[in-house]
Amino acid sequence: MSRPPRAFVVPVVLGLALSAAGCGGGSGSSASPAAPSSAAGTTSSTPTPAASAGPYAWTQDVKPILASDCTSCHSGSRPSAGIDLSTYAGTMRVVSAGNANSALVQATRSGGSMYTHLSGDRAGKSELIRQWVVSGAPENR
């Protein structure tokens, strides 16, 4: 079964809908499609810190994940759905520190609208983001 084209519509955080036609944020970069949903045996150039490595911080832990998997659409002068994940301030627009129900956590969890866009160890990256938010979403260690 082949992967659907990136022009499909997916639900996005805050109940919005996002189409890949608006994805790219006007940055002129083209992102390669996300890996197939089967994460078994896939690798990622973005390391996922071990689960015991916490507490996590945006600059050291979350930013590299967002940079590799999210900012091709969620950055630039016209970020998709108006969500810019390239900066701490932009990311905090979809995070409520300490709240596991934050929009970023909901979108990146298994079954969330952006989960399939995570590369490599999706479950590990999703859990790292959740733990970062729940622990207060600090910018730096």
N, C-alpha and C. Protein backbone atom coordinates (compact mmCIF):
# COMPACT_ATOMS: atom_id res chain seq x y z
N MET A 1 0.85 -1.18 0.00
CA MET A 1 0.00 0.00 0.00
C MET A 1 0.89 1.23 0.00
N SER A 2 0.62 2.14 -0.89
CA SER A 2 1.47 3.33 -0.97
C SER A 2 0.95 4.42 -0.04
N ARG A 3 1.85 5.27 0.36
CA ARG A 3 1.52 6.39 1.23
C ARG A 3 0.72 7.42 0.45
N PRO A 4 -0.34 7.99 1.04
CA PRO A 4 -1.13 9.01 0.34
C PRO A 4 -0.28 10.25 0.09
N PRO A 5 -0.60 11.01 -0.95
CA PRO A 5 0.16 12.23 -1.22
C PRO A 5 0.05 13.21 -0.06
N ARG A 6 1.04 14.10 0.06
CA ARG A 6 1.07 15.06 1.16
C ARG A 6 -0.06 16.07 1.06
N ALA A 7 -0.83 16.04 0.02
CA ALA A 7 -1.93 16.99 -0.13
C ALA A 7 -3.18 16.56 0.63
N PHE A 8 -3.10 15.46 1.39
CA PHE A 8 -4.25 15.04 2.17
C PHE A 8 -4.46 16.00 3.34
N VAL A 9 -5.66 16.01 3.87
CA VAL A 9 -5.99 16.92 4.96
C VAL A 9 -5.97 16.13 6.26
N VAL A 10 -5.32 16.69 7.28
CA VAL A 10 -5.25 16.05 8.60
C VAL A 10 -5.72 17.03 9.65
N PRO A 11 -6.34 16.53 10.71
CA PRO A 11 -6.72 17.43 11.80
C PRO A 11 -5.47 17.94 12.49
N VAL A 12 -5.52 19.16 12.96
CA VAL A 12 -4.37 19.78 13.59
C VAL A 12 -4.76 20.27 14.98
N VAL A 13 -3.73 20.55 15.78
CA VAL A 13 -3.96 21.05 17.12
C VAL A 13 -4.97 22.17 17.11
N LEU A 14 -5.66 22.30 18.22
CA LEU A 14 -6.66 23.35 18.42
C LEU A 14 -7.86 23.20 17.51
N GLY A 15 -8.10 21.98 17.00
CA GLY A 15 -9.28 21.72 16.20
C GLY A 15 -9.24 22.30 14.81
N LEU A 16 -8.09 22.74 14.34
CA LEU A 16 -7.96 23.29 12.99
C LEU A 16 -7.71 22.17 12.01
N ALA A 17 -7.82 22.45 10.73
CA ALA A 17 -7.43 21.48 9.71
C ALA A 17 -6.27 22.07 8.93
N LEU A 18 -5.38 21.23 8.48
CA LEU A 18 -4.16 21.67 7.79
C LEU A 18 -4.04 20.88 6.50
N SER A 19 -3.79 21.55 5.42
CA SER A 19 -3.53 20.81 4.19
C SER A 19 -2.08 21.02 3.81
N ALA A 20 -1.48 20.06 3.21
CA ALA A 20 -0.06 20.14 2.85
C ALA A 20 0.18 21.27 1.86
N ALA A 21 -0.83 21.71 1.14
CA ALA A 21 -0.64 22.82 0.22
C ALA A 21 -0.24 24.08 0.98
N GLY A 22 -0.68 24.23 2.21
CA GLY A 22 -0.30 25.37 3.02
C GLY A 22 0.93 25.09 3.84
N CYS A 23 1.39 23.86 3.79
CA CYS A 23 2.55 23.44 4.56
C CYS A 23 3.81 23.96 3.90
N GLY A 24 4.80 24.30 4.65
CA GLY A 24 6.06 24.78 4.11
C GLY A 24 6.37 26.16 4.62
N GLY A 25 5.38 26.85 5.13
CA GLY A 25 5.60 28.12 5.78
C GLY A 25 6.22 29.18 4.92
N GLY A 26 6.17 29.04 3.59
CA GLY A 26 6.72 30.07 2.74
C GLY A 26 8.23 30.11 2.78
N SER A 27 8.87 29.11 3.36
CA SER A 27 10.31 29.13 3.49
C SER A 27 11.00 28.67 2.22
N GLY A 28 10.23 28.13 1.29
CA GLY A 28 10.81 27.68 0.04
C GLY A 28 11.46 26.32 0.15
N SER A 29 11.48 25.74 1.32
CA SER A 29 12.08 24.41 1.46
C SER A 29 11.02 23.37 1.19
N SER A 30 11.45 22.26 0.62
CA SER A 30 10.51 21.19 0.43
C SER A 30 10.92 20.04 1.31
N ALA A 31 9.99 19.55 2.05
CA ALA A 31 10.28 18.47 2.98
C ALA A 31 10.02 17.16 2.29
N SER A 32 10.82 16.17 2.59
CA SER A 32 10.55 14.85 2.07
C SER A 32 9.41 14.26 2.88
N PRO A 33 8.64 13.38 2.28
CA PRO A 33 7.53 12.79 3.01
C PRO A 33 8.02 12.06 4.24
N ALA A 34 7.15 12.00 5.22
CA ALA A 34 7.49 11.29 6.45
C ALA A 34 7.63 9.81 6.15
N ALA A 35 8.35 9.12 7.00
CA ALA A 35 8.55 7.69 6.83
C ALA A 35 7.22 6.98 6.96
N PRO A 36 7.09 5.79 6.38
CA PRO A 36 5.85 5.03 6.56
C PRO A 36 5.55 4.84 8.03
N SER A 37 4.28 4.56 8.33
CA SER A 37 3.86 4.51 9.72
C SER A 37 4.55 3.42 10.52
N SER A 38 5.13 2.44 9.89
CA SER A 38 5.85 1.40 10.63
C SER A 38 7.21 1.94 11.04
N ALA A 39 7.40 2.13 12.34
CA ALA A 39 8.65 2.70 12.84
C ALA A 39 9.70 1.62 13.09
N ALA A 40 9.33 0.37 12.99
CA ALA A 40 10.26 -0.71 13.29
C ALA A 40 11.42 -0.67 12.31
N GLY A 41 12.62 -0.65 12.84
CA GLY A 41 13.80 -0.70 12.02
C GLY A 41 14.19 0.61 11.38
N THR A 42 13.47 1.68 11.66
CA THR A 42 13.83 2.95 11.08
C THR A 42 14.81 3.68 11.98
N THR A 43 15.60 4.53 11.37
CA THR A 43 16.55 5.31 12.13
C THR A 43 16.30 6.78 11.88
N SER A 44 16.80 7.60 12.74
CA SER A 44 16.62 9.04 12.62
C SER A 44 17.94 9.72 12.90
N SER A 45 18.19 10.82 12.20
CA SER A 45 19.41 11.56 12.46
C SER A 45 19.28 12.40 13.73
N THR A 46 18.05 12.54 14.23
CA THR A 46 17.83 13.26 15.47
C THR A 46 17.82 12.28 16.62
N PRO A 47 18.81 12.35 17.51
CA PRO A 47 18.84 11.39 18.61
C PRO A 47 17.68 11.63 19.57
N THR A 48 17.16 10.55 20.11
CA THR A 48 16.14 10.64 21.14
C THR A 48 16.82 10.26 22.44
N PRO A 49 16.93 11.22 23.39
CA PRO A 49 17.59 10.91 24.65
C PRO A 49 16.90 9.75 25.36
N ALA A 50 17.66 9.01 26.12
CA ALA A 50 17.10 7.90 26.88
C ALA A 50 16.04 8.42 27.84
N ALA A 51 15.03 7.60 28.09
CA ALA A 51 13.91 8.01 28.94
C ALA A 51 14.37 8.45 30.32
N SER A 52 15.49 7.94 30.79
CA SER A 52 15.97 8.30 32.12
C SER A 52 16.82 9.56 32.13
N ALA A 53 16.98 10.20 30.96
CA ALA A 53 17.87 11.34 30.86
C ALA A 53 17.27 12.63 31.40
N GLY A 54 15.95 12.70 31.67
CA GLY A 54 15.27 13.93 32.07
C GLY A 54 15.95 14.60 33.24
N PRO A 55 15.63 15.78 33.66
CA PRO A 55 14.53 16.56 33.09
C PRO A 55 14.91 17.12 31.72
N TYR A 56 13.92 17.22 30.88
CA TYR A 56 14.15 17.69 29.52
C TYR A 56 14.00 19.20 29.44
N ALA A 57 14.63 19.79 28.41
CA ALA A 57 14.54 21.23 28.15
C ALA A 57 14.31 21.44 26.66
N TRP A 58 13.66 22.55 26.31
CA TRP A 58 13.33 22.83 24.92
C TRP A 58 14.60 22.91 24.07
N THR A 59 15.56 23.73 24.46
CA THR A 59 16.75 23.95 23.64
C THR A 59 17.54 22.67 23.42
N GLN A 60 17.78 21.91 24.46
CA GLN A 60 18.64 20.74 24.35
C GLN A 60 17.93 19.50 23.82
N ASP A 61 16.64 19.34 24.08
CA ASP A 61 15.96 18.09 23.78
C ASP A 61 14.80 18.20 22.79
N VAL A 62 13.94 19.18 22.96
CA VAL A 62 12.73 19.28 22.15
C VAL A 62 13.01 19.99 20.82
N LYS A 63 13.78 21.04 20.84
CA LYS A 63 14.07 21.79 19.61
C LYS A 63 14.64 20.92 18.50
N PRO A 64 15.60 20.00 18.79
CA PRO A 64 16.10 19.15 17.71
C PRO A 64 15.03 18.26 17.08
N ILE A 65 14.09 17.78 17.86
CA ILE A 65 12.99 16.98 17.33
C ILE A 65 12.11 17.84 16.43
N LEU A 66 11.72 19.01 16.93
CA LEU A 66 10.86 19.89 16.16
C LEU A 66 11.56 20.34 14.88
N ALA A 67 12.86 20.62 14.96
CA ALA A 67 13.63 21.08 13.80
C ALA A 67 13.68 20.00 12.72
N SER A 68 13.82 18.75 13.10
CA SER A 68 13.92 17.69 12.10
C SER A 68 12.57 17.23 11.57
N ASP A 69 11.53 17.32 12.37
CA ASP A 69 10.26 16.71 11.98
C ASP A 69 9.09 17.68 11.80
N CYS A 70 9.21 18.91 12.26
CA CYS A 70 8.04 19.78 12.30
C CYS A 70 8.22 21.12 11.58
N THR A 71 9.40 21.70 11.66
CA THR A 71 9.56 23.08 11.21
C THR A 71 9.58 23.24 9.69
N SER A 72 9.62 22.14 8.94
CA SER A 72 9.51 22.31 7.49
C SER A 72 8.14 22.89 7.14
N CYS A 73 7.15 22.64 7.96
CA CYS A 73 5.81 23.21 7.77
C CYS A 73 5.49 24.29 8.80
N HIS A 74 5.95 24.09 10.03
CA HIS A 74 5.58 24.98 11.13
C HIS A 74 6.69 25.98 11.47
N SER A 75 7.05 26.81 10.46
CA SER A 75 8.01 27.90 10.66
C SER A 75 7.91 28.83 9.46
N GLY A 76 8.71 29.86 9.48
CA GLY A 76 8.73 30.80 8.36
C GLY A 76 7.71 31.90 8.51
N SER A 77 7.54 32.65 7.42
CA SER A 77 6.64 33.81 7.47
C SER A 77 5.16 33.40 7.46
N ARG A 78 4.86 32.21 6.98
CA ARG A 78 3.47 31.72 6.97
C ARG A 78 3.44 30.28 7.47
N PRO A 79 3.66 30.08 8.77
CA PRO A 79 3.68 28.71 9.29
C PRO A 79 2.30 28.06 9.19
N SER A 80 2.32 26.79 8.89
CA SER A 80 1.08 26.05 8.76
C SER A 80 0.25 26.16 10.04
N ALA A 81 -1.04 26.40 9.86
CA ALA A 81 -2.00 26.56 10.96
C ALA A 81 -1.62 27.71 11.89
N GLY A 82 -0.71 28.57 11.45
CA GLY A 82 -0.28 29.71 12.27
C GLY A 82 0.59 29.31 13.45
N ILE A 83 1.13 28.09 13.42
CA ILE A 83 1.92 27.57 14.54
C ILE A 83 3.38 27.50 14.12
N ASP A 84 4.22 28.32 14.76
CA ASP A 84 5.65 28.34 14.48
C ASP A 84 6.37 27.60 15.60
N LEU A 85 6.94 26.45 15.26
CA LEU A 85 7.62 25.63 16.26
C LEU A 85 9.14 25.80 16.21
N SER A 86 9.60 26.82 15.51
CA SER A 86 11.05 27.03 15.40
C SER A 86 11.61 27.83 16.57
N THR A 87 10.76 28.41 17.38
CA THR A 87 11.22 29.19 18.53
C THR A 87 10.52 28.69 19.79
N TYR A 88 11.15 28.95 20.92
CA TYR A 88 10.54 28.58 22.20
C TYR A 88 9.22 29.31 22.38
N ALA A 89 9.20 30.61 22.10
CA ALA A 89 7.97 31.39 22.27
C ALA A 89 6.85 30.86 21.39
N GLY A 90 7.17 30.52 20.15
CA GLY A 90 6.17 29.97 19.24
C GLY A 90 5.66 28.63 19.72
N THR A 91 6.55 27.80 20.20
CA THR A 91 6.17 26.48 20.71
C THR A 91 5.27 26.63 21.93
N MET A 92 5.57 27.59 22.77
CA MET A 92 4.78 27.78 23.99
C MET A 92 3.35 28.25 23.71
N ARG A 93 3.07 28.66 22.48
CA ARG A 93 1.70 29.02 22.12
C ARG A 93 0.79 27.79 22.10
N VAL A 94 1.39 26.59 21.96
CA VAL A 94 0.59 25.36 21.93
C VAL A 94 0.94 24.44 23.09
N VAL A 95 1.56 25.02 24.12
CA VAL A 95 1.94 24.26 25.31
C VAL A 95 1.43 24.98 26.55
N SER A 96 0.83 24.23 27.43
CA SER A 96 0.48 24.73 28.75
C SER A 96 1.37 23.95 29.72
N ALA A 97 2.41 24.62 30.22
CA ALA A 97 3.40 23.95 31.07
C ALA A 97 2.73 23.17 32.18
N GLY A 98 3.13 21.90 32.31
CA GLY A 98 2.59 21.03 33.33
C GLY A 98 1.33 20.29 32.94
N ASN A 99 0.75 20.61 31.79
CA ASN A 99 -0.52 20.04 31.38
C ASN A 99 -0.33 19.01 30.26
N ALA A 100 -0.55 17.74 30.57
CA ALA A 100 -0.40 16.67 29.58
C ALA A 100 -1.45 16.75 28.48
N ASN A 101 -2.44 17.61 28.63
CA ASN A 101 -3.45 17.79 27.59
C ASN A 101 -3.14 18.98 26.69
N SER A 102 -1.93 19.50 26.77
CA SER A 102 -1.51 20.61 25.89
C SER A 102 -1.66 20.19 24.43
N ALA A 103 -1.92 21.15 23.57
CA ALA A 103 -2.13 20.87 22.16
C ALA A 103 -0.94 20.16 21.52
N LEU A 104 0.29 20.53 21.87
CA LEU A 104 1.47 19.88 21.29
C LEU A 104 1.53 18.41 21.71
N VAL A 105 1.22 18.11 22.93
CA VAL A 105 1.23 16.73 23.41
C VAL A 105 0.14 15.94 22.68
N GLN A 106 -1.04 16.50 22.57
CA GLN A 106 -2.15 15.81 21.90
C GLN A 106 -1.82 15.52 20.44
N ALA A 107 -1.21 16.48 19.75
CA ALA A 107 -0.90 16.31 18.33
C ALA A 107 0.21 15.31 18.08
N THR A 108 1.16 15.20 19.02
CA THR A 108 2.31 14.33 18.79
C THR A 108 2.20 12.97 19.47
N ARG A 109 1.15 12.71 20.19
CA ARG A 109 0.98 11.40 20.83
C ARG A 109 0.54 10.38 19.78
N SER A 110 0.66 9.11 20.11
CA SER A 110 0.22 8.05 19.22
C SER A 110 -1.25 8.27 18.89
N GLY A 111 -1.58 8.30 17.62
CA GLY A 111 -2.94 8.57 17.19
C GLY A 111 -3.22 10.05 16.99
N GLY A 112 -2.29 10.92 17.40
CA GLY A 112 -2.45 12.36 17.22
C GLY A 112 -2.22 12.76 15.78
N SER A 113 -2.69 13.93 15.42
CA SER A 113 -2.66 14.38 14.03
C SER A 113 -1.25 14.54 13.45
N MET A 114 -0.25 14.75 14.28
CA MET A 114 1.11 14.94 13.78
C MET A 114 2.04 13.78 14.09
N TYR A 115 1.55 12.75 14.76
CA TYR A 115 2.38 11.62 15.18
C TYR A 115 3.12 10.98 14.00
N THR A 116 2.43 10.77 12.89
CA THR A 116 3.06 10.11 11.74
C THR A 116 4.13 10.96 11.08
N HIS A 117 4.19 12.24 11.42
CA HIS A 117 5.23 13.11 10.87
C HIS A 117 6.54 13.01 11.66
N LEU A 118 6.49 12.37 12.81
CA LEU A 118 7.71 12.15 13.59
C LEU A 118 8.50 11.04 12.91
N SER A 119 9.81 11.23 12.79
CA SER A 119 10.64 10.22 12.14
C SER A 119 11.30 9.32 13.18
N GLY A 120 11.76 8.17 12.73
CA GLY A 120 12.50 7.28 13.61
C GLY A 120 11.66 6.77 14.76
N ASP A 121 12.15 6.94 15.96
CA ASP A 121 11.49 6.46 17.18
C ASP A 121 10.35 7.40 17.56
N ARG A 122 9.22 7.26 16.89
CA ARG A 122 8.07 8.13 17.14
C ARG A 122 7.62 8.08 18.59
N ALA A 123 7.50 6.88 19.12
CA ALA A 123 7.02 6.72 20.50
C ALA A 123 7.97 7.40 21.47
N GLY A 124 9.27 7.26 21.27
CA GLY A 124 10.25 7.89 22.15
C GLY A 124 10.19 9.40 22.07
N LYS A 125 10.08 9.93 20.85
CA LYS A 125 10.00 11.38 20.67
C LYS A 125 8.72 11.94 21.28
N SER A 126 7.61 11.23 21.06
CA SER A 126 6.34 11.65 21.61
C SER A 126 6.39 11.69 23.13
N GLU A 127 6.96 10.66 23.72
CA GLU A 127 7.06 10.59 25.18
C GLU A 127 7.99 11.66 25.71
N LEU A 128 9.08 11.95 25.03
CA LEU A 128 9.99 13.00 25.46
C LEU A 128 9.27 14.35 25.48
N ILE A 129 8.51 14.64 24.43
CA ILE A 129 7.74 15.90 24.37
C ILE A 129 6.75 15.95 25.53
N ARG A 130 6.04 14.85 25.78
CA ARG A 130 5.07 14.81 26.88
C ARG A 130 5.75 15.05 28.22
N GLN A 131 6.87 14.37 28.45
CA GLN A 131 7.58 14.54 29.72
C GLN A 131 8.09 15.97 29.87
N TRP A 132 8.55 16.58 28.79
CA TRP A 132 9.02 17.97 28.84
C TRP A 132 7.87 18.90 29.25
N VAL A 133 6.73 18.72 28.64
CA VAL A 133 5.57 19.57 28.95
C VAL A 133 5.14 19.35 30.40
N VAL A 134 4.98 18.11 30.81
CA VAL A 134 4.50 17.78 32.15
C VAL A 134 5.47 18.30 33.22
N SER A 135 6.77 18.30 32.91
CA SER A 135 7.76 18.77 33.89
C SER A 135 7.89 20.28 33.93
N GLY A 136 7.04 20.99 33.23
CA GLY A 136 7.05 22.45 33.30
C GLY A 136 7.54 23.15 32.05
N ALA A 137 7.93 22.39 31.02
CA ALA A 137 8.36 22.94 29.74
C ALA A 137 9.46 24.00 29.84
N PRO A 138 10.55 23.70 30.54
CA PRO A 138 11.64 24.69 30.66
C PRO A 138 12.33 24.92 29.32
N GLU A 139 12.84 26.12 29.13
CA GLU A 139 13.55 26.45 27.89
C GLU A 139 14.96 25.83 27.90
N ASN A 140 15.65 25.91 29.04
CA ASN A 140 17.02 25.39 29.16
C ASN A 140 17.19 24.65 30.47
N ARG A 141 18.24 23.83 30.53
CA ARG A 141 18.60 23.14 31.78
C ARG A 141 19.52 24.03 32.57
